[in-house]
Amino acid sequence: MAVRDNVLPALNRAWRKIASLGFQRTSVMIRVRTWAGARVGDNAGQSPGFADVLTPISPTPSVSMMSPYAVQMAGIMTSAGDV
């Protein structure tokens, strides 16, 4: 029996206990971006030219990290701060 067979289940139980107390390791937000101009990316002379409204999702869904390879194969576009 490997060390991970004992350690990983204990860590999972600890994270579930923390989550049951209302503490979350991650937060999930929906971002709605409204552009100032007539078209997407048109800033109509304003800086930055858009306004973001972030709305948290509650209760927080289960979140897992995707590998860079999986993101690339899924064709998902990412920006700085997405991950």
PDB file of N, CA and C in Angstrom:
ATOM      1  N   MET A   1       0.844  -1.173   0.000  1.00  0.00           N
ATOM      2  CA  MET A   1       0.000   0.000   0.000  1.00  0.00           C
ATOM      3  C   MET A   1       0.893   1.242   0.000  1.00  0.00           C
ATOM      4  N   ALA A   2       0.661   2.100  -0.981  1.00  0.00           N
ATOM      5  CA  ALA A   2       1.465   3.316  -1.117  1.00  0.00           C
ATOM      6  C   ALA A   2       0.993   4.383  -0.128  1.00  0.00           C
ATOM      7  N   VAL A   3       1.878   5.327   0.126  1.00  0.00           N
ATOM      8  CA  VAL A   3       1.545   6.429   1.033  1.00  0.00           C
ATOM      9  C   VAL A   3       0.330   7.190   0.525  1.00  0.00           C
ATOM     10  N   ARG A   4       0.256   7.366  -0.816  1.00  0.00           N
ATOM     11  CA  ARG A   4      -0.865   8.134  -1.370  1.00  0.00           C
ATOM     12  C   ARG A   4      -2.209   7.469  -1.104  1.00  0.00           C
ATOM     13  N   ASP A   5      -2.213   6.142  -0.941  1.00  0.00           N
ATOM     14  CA  ASP A   5      -3.469   5.441  -0.653  1.00  0.00           C
ATOM     15  C   ASP A   5      -4.031   5.846   0.710  1.00  0.00           C
ATOM     16  N   ASN A   6      -3.173   6.278   1.611  1.00  0.00           N
ATOM     17  CA  ASN A   6      -3.611   6.726   2.932  1.00  0.00           C
ATOM     18  C   ASN A   6      -3.778   8.231   2.997  1.00  0.00           C
ATOM     19  N   VAL A   7      -2.874   8.955   2.335  1.00  0.00           N
ATOM     20  CA  VAL A   7      -2.856  10.413   2.455  1.00  0.00           C
ATOM     21  C   VAL A   7      -3.978  11.064   1.648  1.00  0.00           C
ATOM     22  N   LEU A   8      -4.168  10.663   0.402  1.00  0.00           N
ATOM     23  CA  LEU A   8      -5.178  11.309  -0.445  1.00  0.00           C
ATOM     24  C   LEU A   8      -6.594  11.194   0.111  1.00  0.00           C
ATOM     25  N   PRO A   9      -7.025  10.030   0.575  1.00  0.00           N
ATOM     26  CA  PRO A   9      -8.365   9.979   1.175  1.00  0.00           C
ATOM     27  C   PRO A   9      -8.498  10.885   2.402  1.00  0.00           C
ATOM     28  N   ALA A  10      -7.432  10.980   3.199  1.00  0.00           N
ATOM     29  CA  ALA A  10      -7.485  11.861   4.378  1.00  0.00           C
ATOM     30  C   ALA A  10      -7.596  13.316   3.950  1.00  0.00           C
ATOM     31  N   LEU A  11      -6.855  13.707   2.912  1.00  0.00           N
ATOM     32  CA  LEU A  11      -6.950  15.075   2.402  1.00  0.00           C
ATOM     33  C   LEU A  11      -8.337  15.350   1.839  1.00  0.00           C
ATOM     34  N   ASN A  12      -8.894  14.402   1.108  1.00  0.00           N
ATOM     35  CA  ASN A  12     -10.240  14.578   0.555  1.00  0.00           C
ATOM     36  C   ASN A  12     -11.279  14.747   1.664  1.00  0.00           C
ATOM     37  N   ARG A  13     -11.150  13.969   2.734  1.00  0.00           N
ATOM     38  CA  ARG A  13     -12.077  14.113   3.865  1.00  0.00           C
ATOM     39  C   ARG A  13     -11.924  15.490   4.502  1.00  0.00           C
ATOM     40  N   ALA A  14     -10.681  15.962   4.606  1.00  0.00           N
ATOM     41  CA  ALA A  14     -10.451  17.278   5.204  1.00  0.00           C
ATOM     42  C   ALA A  14     -11.055  18.381   4.336  1.00  0.00           C
ATOM     43  N   TRP A  15     -10.872  18.310   3.023  1.00  0.00           N
ATOM     44  CA  TRP A  15     -11.435  19.330   2.126  1.00  0.00           C
ATOM     45  C   TRP A  15     -12.964  19.302   2.156  1.00  0.00           C
ATOM     46  N   ARG A  16     -13.567  18.100   2.236  1.00  0.00           N
ATOM     47  CA  ARG A  16     -15.026  18.008   2.330  1.00  0.00           C
ATOM     48  C   ARG A  16     -15.519  18.638   3.626  1.00  0.00           C
ATOM     49  N   LYS A  17     -14.780  18.423   4.718  1.00  0.00           N
ATOM     50  CA  LYS A  17     -15.146  19.001   6.005  1.00  0.00           C
ATOM     51  C   LYS A  17     -15.084  20.528   5.942  1.00  0.00           C
ATOM     52  N   ILE A  18     -14.022  21.061   5.329  1.00  0.00           N
ATOM     53  CA  ILE A  18     -13.872  22.511   5.173  1.00  0.00           C
ATOM     54  C   ILE A  18     -15.017  23.069   4.333  1.00  0.00           C
ATOM     55  N   ALA A  19     -15.352  22.381   3.230  1.00  0.00           N
ATOM     56  CA  ALA A  19     -16.445  22.835   2.370  1.00  0.00           C
ATOM     57  C   ALA A  19     -17.784  22.782   3.106  1.00  0.00           C
ATOM     58  N   SER A  20     -17.978  21.768   3.960  1.00  0.00           N
ATOM     59  CA  SER A  20     -19.246  21.661   4.697  1.00  0.00           C
ATOM     60  C   SER A  20     -19.408  22.792   5.709  1.00  0.00           C
ATOM     61  N   LEU A  21     -18.302  23.397   6.117  1.00  0.00           N
ATOM     62  CA  LEU A  21     -18.364  24.527   7.044  1.00  0.00           C
ATOM     63  C   LEU A  21     -18.600  25.854   6.328  1.00  0.00           C
ATOM     64  N   GLY A  22     -18.657  25.800   4.992  1.00  0.00           N
ATOM     65  CA  GLY A  22     -18.942  27.005   4.228  1.00  0.00           C
ATOM     66  C   GLY A  22     -17.727  27.685   3.634  1.00  0.00           C
ATOM     67  N   PHE A  23     -16.545  27.123   3.843  1.00  0.00           N
ATOM     68  CA  PHE A  23     -15.336  27.695   3.261  1.00  0.00           C
ATOM     69  C   PHE A  23     -15.093  27.069   1.897  1.00  0.00           C
ATOM     70  N   GLN A  24     -14.760  27.887   0.927  1.00  0.00           N
ATOM     71  CA  GLN A  24     -14.522  27.390  -0.422  1.00  0.00           C
ATOM     72  C   GLN A  24     -13.096  27.714  -0.839  1.00  0.00           C
ATOM     73  N   ARG A  25     -12.486  26.798  -1.573  1.00  0.00           N
ATOM     74  CA  ARG A  25     -11.151  27.050  -2.103  1.00  0.00           C
ATOM     75  C   ARG A  25     -11.214  27.862  -3.384  1.00  0.00           C
ATOM     76  N   THR A  26     -12.338  27.822  -4.061  1.00  0.00           N
ATOM     77  CA  THR A  26     -12.492  28.529  -5.332  1.00  0.00           C
ATOM     78  C   THR A  26     -13.806  29.294  -5.341  1.00  0.00           C
ATOM     79  N   SER A  27     -13.902  30.234  -6.243  1.00  0.00           N
ATOM     80  CA  SER A  27     -15.181  30.905  -6.473  1.00  0.00           C
ATOM     81  C   SER A  27     -15.429  30.882  -7.979  1.00  0.00           C
ATOM     82  N   VAL A  28     -16.682  30.816  -8.348  1.00  0.00           N
ATOM     83  CA  VAL A  28     -17.062  30.765  -9.752  1.00  0.00           C
ATOM     84  C   VAL A  28     -17.911  31.995 -10.042  1.00  0.00           C
ATOM     85  N   MET A  29     -17.527  32.731 -11.068  1.00  0.00           N
ATOM     86  CA  MET A  29     -18.215  33.973 -11.426  1.00  0.00           C
ATOM     87  C   MET A  29     -18.683  33.912 -12.878  1.00  0.00           C
ATOM     88  N   ILE A  30     -19.796  34.585 -13.129  1.00  0.00           N
ATOM     89  CA  ILE A  30     -20.252  34.815 -14.502  1.00  0.00           C
ATOM     90  C   ILE A  30     -19.904  36.258 -14.822  1.00  0.00           C
ATOM     91  N   ARG A  31     -19.173  36.453 -15.915  1.00  0.00           N
ATOM     92  CA  ARG A  31     -18.774  37.806 -16.321  1.00  0.00           C
ATOM     93  C   ARG A  31     -19.635  38.223 -17.507  1.00  0.00           C
ATOM     94  N   VAL A  32     -20.309  39.353 -17.352  1.00  0.00           N
ATOM     95  CA  VAL A  32     -21.087  39.947 -18.441  1.00  0.00           C
ATOM     96  C   VAL A  32     -20.373  41.237 -18.824  1.00  0.00           C
ATOM     97  N   ARG A  33     -19.893  41.297 -20.071  1.00  0.00           N
ATOM     98  CA  ARG A  33     -19.146  42.467 -20.530  1.00  0.00           C
ATOM     99  C   ARG A  33     -20.027  43.269 -21.488  1.00  0.00           C
ATOM    100  N   THR A  34     -20.161  44.553 -21.207  1.00  0.00           N
ATOM    101  CA  THR A  34     -20.938  45.457 -22.049  1.00  0.00           C
ATOM    102  C   THR A  34     -19.975  46.450 -22.680  1.00  0.00           C
ATOM    103  N   TRP A  35     -19.997  46.506 -24.014  1.00  0.00           N
ATOM    104  CA  TRP A  35     -19.102  47.400 -24.752  1.00  0.00           C
ATOM    105  C   TRP A  35     -19.746  48.771 -24.903  1.00  0.00           C
ATOM    106  N   ALA A  36     -18.906  49.809 -24.927  1.00  0.00           N
ATOM    107  CA  ALA A  36     -19.393  51.181 -25.038  1.00  0.00           C
ATOM    108  C   ALA A  36     -19.806  51.516 -26.469  1.00  0.00           C
ATOM    109  N   GLY A  37     -19.174  50.889 -27.446  1.00  0.00           N
ATOM    110  CA  GLY A  37     -19.443  51.219 -28.843  1.00  0.00           C
ATOM    111  C   GLY A  37     -20.568  50.399 -29.431  1.00  0.00           C
ATOM    112  N   ALA A  38     -20.735  50.556 -30.734  1.00  0.00           N
ATOM    113  CA  ALA A  38     -21.809  49.857 -31.439  1.00  0.00           C
ATOM    114  C   ALA A  38     -21.476  48.393 -31.688  1.00  0.00           C
ATOM    115  N   ARG A  39     -20.159  48.062 -31.704  1.00  0.00           N
ATOM    116  CA  ARG A  39     -19.734  46.684 -31.974  1.00  0.00           C
ATOM    117  C   ARG A  39     -18.818  46.211 -30.851  1.00  0.00           C
ATOM    118  N   VAL A  40     -18.670  44.896 -30.760  1.00  0.00           N
ATOM    119  CA  VAL A  40     -17.738  44.324 -29.786  1.00  0.00           C
ATOM    120  C   VAL A  40     -16.335  44.818 -30.113  1.00  0.00           C
ATOM    121  N   GLY A  41     -15.649  45.316 -29.115  1.00  0.00           N
ATOM    122  CA  GLY A  41     -14.294  45.811 -29.299  1.00  0.00           C
ATOM    123  C   GLY A  41     -14.221  47.280 -29.662  1.00  0.00           C
ATOM    124  N   ASP A  42     -15.342  47.900 -30.009  1.00  0.00           N
ATOM    125  CA  ASP A  42     -15.378  49.324 -30.349  1.00  0.00           C
ATOM    126  C   ASP A  42     -15.530  50.102 -29.049  1.00  0.00           C
ATOM    127  N   ASN A  43     -14.501  50.875 -28.689  1.00  0.00           N
ATOM    128  CA  ASN A  43     -14.563  51.545 -27.395  1.00  0.00           C
ATOM    129  C   ASN A  43     -15.208  52.922 -27.447  1.00  0.00           C
ATOM    130  N   ALA A  44     -15.608  53.376 -28.603  1.00  0.00           N
ATOM    131  CA  ALA A  44     -16.335  54.646 -28.759  1.00  0.00           C
ATOM    132  C   ALA A  44     -15.606  55.797 -28.072  1.00  0.00           C
ATOM    133  N   GLY A  45     -14.270  55.780 -28.129  1.00  0.00           N
ATOM    134  CA  GLY A  45     -13.480  56.864 -27.554  1.00  0.00           C
ATOM    135  C   GLY A  45     -13.351  56.823 -26.046  1.00  0.00           C
ATOM    136  N   GLN A  46     -13.867  55.778 -25.413  1.00  0.00           N
ATOM    137  CA  GLN A  46     -13.786  55.673 -23.961  1.00  0.00           C
ATOM    138  C   GLN A  46     -12.665  54.698 -23.584  1.00  0.00           C
ATOM    139  N   SER A  47     -12.176  54.857 -22.381  1.00  0.00           N
ATOM    140  CA  SER A  47     -11.166  53.930 -21.888  1.00  0.00           C
ATOM    141  C   SER A  47     -11.687  53.315 -20.608  1.00  0.00           C
ATOM    142  N   PRO A  48     -11.772  52.021 -20.439  1.00  0.00           N
ATOM    143  CA  PRO A  48     -11.319  50.960 -21.317  1.00  0.00           C
ATOM    144  C   PRO A  48     -12.293  50.620 -22.437  1.00  0.00           C
ATOM    145  N   GLY A  49     -13.468  51.205 -22.469  1.00  0.00           N
ATOM    146  CA  GLY A  49     -14.410  50.936 -23.544  1.00  0.00           C
ATOM    147  C   GLY A  49     -15.417  49.847 -23.246  1.00  0.00           C
ATOM    148  N   PHE A  50     -15.339  49.269 -22.060  1.00  0.00           N
ATOM    149  CA  PHE A  50     -16.305  48.236 -21.678  1.00  0.00           C
ATOM    150  C   PHE A  50     -16.497  48.266 -20.179  1.00  0.00           C
ATOM    151  N   ALA A  51     -17.584  47.654 -19.750  1.00  0.00           N
ATOM    152  CA  ALA A  51     -17.860  47.523 -18.318  1.00  0.00           C
ATOM    153  C   ALA A  51     -18.176  46.063 -18.036  1.00  0.00           C
ATOM    154  N   ASP A  52     -17.595  45.538 -16.970  1.00  0.00           N
ATOM    155  CA  ASP A  52     -17.825  44.157 -16.573  1.00  0.00           C
ATOM    156  C   ASP A  52     -18.694  44.109 -15.325  1.00  0.00           C
ATOM    157  N   VAL A  53     -19.609  43.158 -15.322  1.00  0.00           N
ATOM    158  CA  VAL A  53     -20.393  42.875 -14.128  1.00  0.00           C
ATOM    159  C   VAL A  53     -20.115  41.419 -13.776  1.00  0.00           C
ATOM    160  N   LEU A  54     -19.570  41.179 -12.566  1.00  0.00           N
ATOM    161  CA  LEU A  54     -19.268  39.834 -12.104  1.00  0.00           C
ATOM    162  C   LEU A  54     -20.333  39.386 -11.121  1.00  0.00           C
ATOM    163  N   THR A  55     -20.922  38.226 -11.412  1.00  0.00           N
ATOM    164  CA  THR A  55     -21.964  37.669 -10.555  1.00  0.00           C
ATOM    165  C   THR A  55     -21.500  36.309 -10.041  1.00  0.00           C
ATOM    166  N   PRO A  56     -21.375  36.135  -8.726  1.00  0.00           N
ATOM    167  CA  PRO A  56     -20.943  34.829  -8.206  1.00  0.00           C
ATOM    168  C   PRO A  56     -22.052  33.796  -8.338  1.00  0.00           C
ATOM    169  N   ILE A  57     -21.647  32.554  -8.586  1.00  0.00           N
ATOM    170  CA  ILE A  57     -22.588  31.439  -8.639  1.00  0.00           C
ATOM    171  C   ILE A  57     -22.637  30.825  -7.243  1.00  0.00           C
ATOM    172  N   SER A  58     -23.849  30.658  -6.735  1.00  0.00           N
ATOM    173  CA  SER A  58     -24.005  30.086  -5.411  1.00  0.00           C
ATOM    174  C   SER A  58     -25.116  29.046  -5.447  1.00  0.00           C
ATOM    175  N   PRO A  59     -24.949  27.887  -4.903  1.00  0.00           N
ATOM    176  CA  PRO A  59     -23.770  27.391  -4.216  1.00  0.00           C
ATOM    177  C   PRO A  59     -22.638  27.131  -5.211  1.00  0.00           C
ATOM    178  N   THR A  60     -21.416  27.208  -4.721  1.00  0.00           N
ATOM    179  CA  THR A  60     -20.256  27.035  -5.579  1.00  0.00           C
ATOM    180  C   THR A  60     -20.216  25.615  -6.136  1.00  0.00           C
ATOM    181  N   PRO A  61     -20.161  25.491  -7.469  1.00  0.00           N
ATOM    182  CA  PRO A  61     -20.097  24.150  -8.057  1.00  0.00           C
ATOM    183  C   PRO A  61     -18.710  23.536  -7.879  1.00  0.00           C
ATOM    184  N   SER A  62     -18.625  22.255  -8.110  1.00  0.00           N
ATOM    185  CA  SER A  62     -17.336  21.575  -8.061  1.00  0.00           C
ATOM    186  C   SER A  62     -16.470  22.082  -9.203  1.00  0.00           C
ATOM    187  N   VAL A  63     -15.228  22.398  -8.909  1.00  0.00           N
ATOM    188  CA  VAL A  63     -14.319  22.964  -9.894  1.00  0.00           C
ATOM    189  C   VAL A  63     -13.081  22.089  -9.968  1.00  0.00           C
ATOM    190  N   SER A  64     -12.645  21.786 -11.188  1.00  0.00           N
ATOM    191  CA  SER A  64     -11.398  21.060 -11.365  1.00  0.00           C
ATOM    192  C   SER A  64     -10.573  21.755 -12.437  1.00  0.00           C
ATOM    193  N   MET A  65      -9.262  21.671 -12.305  1.00  0.00           N
ATOM    194  CA  MET A  65      -8.365  22.307 -13.250  1.00  0.00           C
ATOM    195  C   MET A  65      -8.202  21.424 -14.484  1.00  0.00           C
ATOM    196  N   MET A  66      -8.229  22.048 -15.646  1.00  0.00           N
ATOM    197  CA  MET A  66      -7.981  21.330 -16.896  1.00  0.00           C
ATOM    198  C   MET A  66      -6.512  21.506 -17.260  1.00  0.00           C
ATOM    199  N   SER A  67      -5.932  20.467 -17.819  1.00  0.00           N
ATOM    200  CA  SER A  67      -4.549  20.580 -18.266  1.00  0.00           C
ATOM    201  C   SER A  67      -4.509  21.496 -19.488  1.00  0.00           C
ATOM    202  N   PRO A  68      -3.372  22.149 -19.747  1.00  0.00           N
ATOM    203  CA  PRO A  68      -3.262  22.984 -20.945  1.00  0.00           C
ATOM    204  C   PRO A  68      -3.570  22.205 -22.224  1.00  0.00           C
ATOM    205  N   TYR A  69      -3.195  20.939 -22.248  1.00  0.00           N
ATOM    206  CA  TYR A  69      -3.476  20.104 -23.419  1.00  0.00           C
ATOM    207  C   TYR A  69      -4.981  19.921 -23.607  1.00  0.00           C
ATOM    208  N   ALA A  70      -5.704  19.657 -22.524  1.00  0.00           N
ATOM    209  CA  ALA A  70      -7.153  19.467 -22.614  1.00  0.00           C
ATOM    210  C   ALA A  70      -7.840  20.750 -23.059  1.00  0.00           C
ATOM    211  N   VAL A  71      -7.368  21.905 -22.574  1.00  0.00           N
ATOM    212  CA  VAL A  71      -7.931  23.197 -22.981  1.00  0.00           C
ATOM    213  C   VAL A  71      -7.719  23.402 -24.474  1.00  0.00           C
ATOM    214  N   GLN A  72      -6.503  23.106 -24.942  1.00  0.00           N
ATOM    215  CA  GLN A  72      -6.182  23.266 -26.359  1.00  0.00           C
ATOM    216  C   GLN A  72      -7.036  22.338 -27.219  1.00  0.00           C
ATOM    217  N   MET A  73      -7.187  21.095 -26.813  1.00  0.00           N
ATOM    218  CA  MET A  73      -7.958  20.121 -27.593  1.00  0.00           C
ATOM    219  C   MET A  73      -9.448  20.471 -27.603  1.00  0.00           C
ATOM    220  N   ALA A  74      -9.930  21.110 -26.553  1.00  0.00           N
ATOM    221  CA  ALA A  74     -11.351  21.495 -26.496  1.00  0.00           C
ATOM    222  C   ALA A  74     -11.611  22.768 -27.298  1.00  0.00           C
ATOM    223  N   GLY A  75     -10.552  23.462 -27.706  1.00  0.00           N
ATOM    224  CA  GLY A  75     -10.719  24.668 -28.491  1.00  0.00           C
ATOM    225  C   GLY A  75     -11.205  25.846 -27.660  1.00  0.00           C
ATOM    226  N   ILE A  76     -10.888  25.846 -26.370  1.00  0.00           N
ATOM    227  CA  ILE A  76     -11.339  26.910 -25.476  1.00  0.00           C
ATOM    228  C   ILE A  76     -10.359  28.069 -25.535  1.00  0.00           C
ATOM    229  N   MET A  77     -10.891  29.269 -25.713  1.00  0.00           N
ATOM    230  CA  MET A  77     -10.061  30.466 -25.722  1.00  0.00           C
ATOM    231  C   MET A  77      -9.918  30.945 -24.281  1.00  0.00           C
ATOM    232  N   THR A  78      -8.701  31.188 -23.848  1.00  0.00           N
ATOM    233  CA  THR A  78      -8.472  31.687 -22.498  1.00  0.00           C
ATOM    234  C   THR A  78      -7.731  33.002 -22.543  1.00  0.00           C
ATOM    235  N   SER A  79      -7.891  33.766 -21.504  1.00  0.00           N
ATOM    236  CA  SER A  79      -7.196  35.047 -21.336  1.00  0.00           C
ATOM    237  C   SER A  79      -6.492  35.032 -19.995  1.00  0.00           C
ATOM    238  N   ALA A  80      -5.592  35.978 -19.805  1.00  0.00           N
ATOM    239  CA  ALA A  80      -4.912  36.096 -18.520  1.00  0.00           C
ATOM    240  C   ALA A  80      -5.949  36.284 -17.424  1.00  0.00           C
ATOM    241  N   GLY A  81      -5.829  35.544 -16.352  1.00  0.00           N
ATOM    242  CA  GLY A  81      -6.758  35.649 -15.235  1.00  0.00           C
ATOM    243  C   GLY A  81      -7.906  34.664 -15.305  1.00  0.00           C
ATOM    244  N   ASP A  82      -8.034  33.932 -16.408  1.00  0.00           N
ATOM    245  CA  ASP A  82      -9.115  32.938 -16.521  1.00  0.00           C
ATOM    246  C   ASP A  82      -8.859  31.727 -15.636  1.00  0.00           C
ATOM    247  N   VAL A  83      -7.602  31.350 -15.525  1.00  0.00           N
ATOM    248  CA  VAL A  83      -7.284  30.122 -14.809  1.00  0.00           C
ATOM    249  C   VAL A  83      -6.504  30.445 -13.575  1.00  0.00           C
TER     250      VAL A  83
END
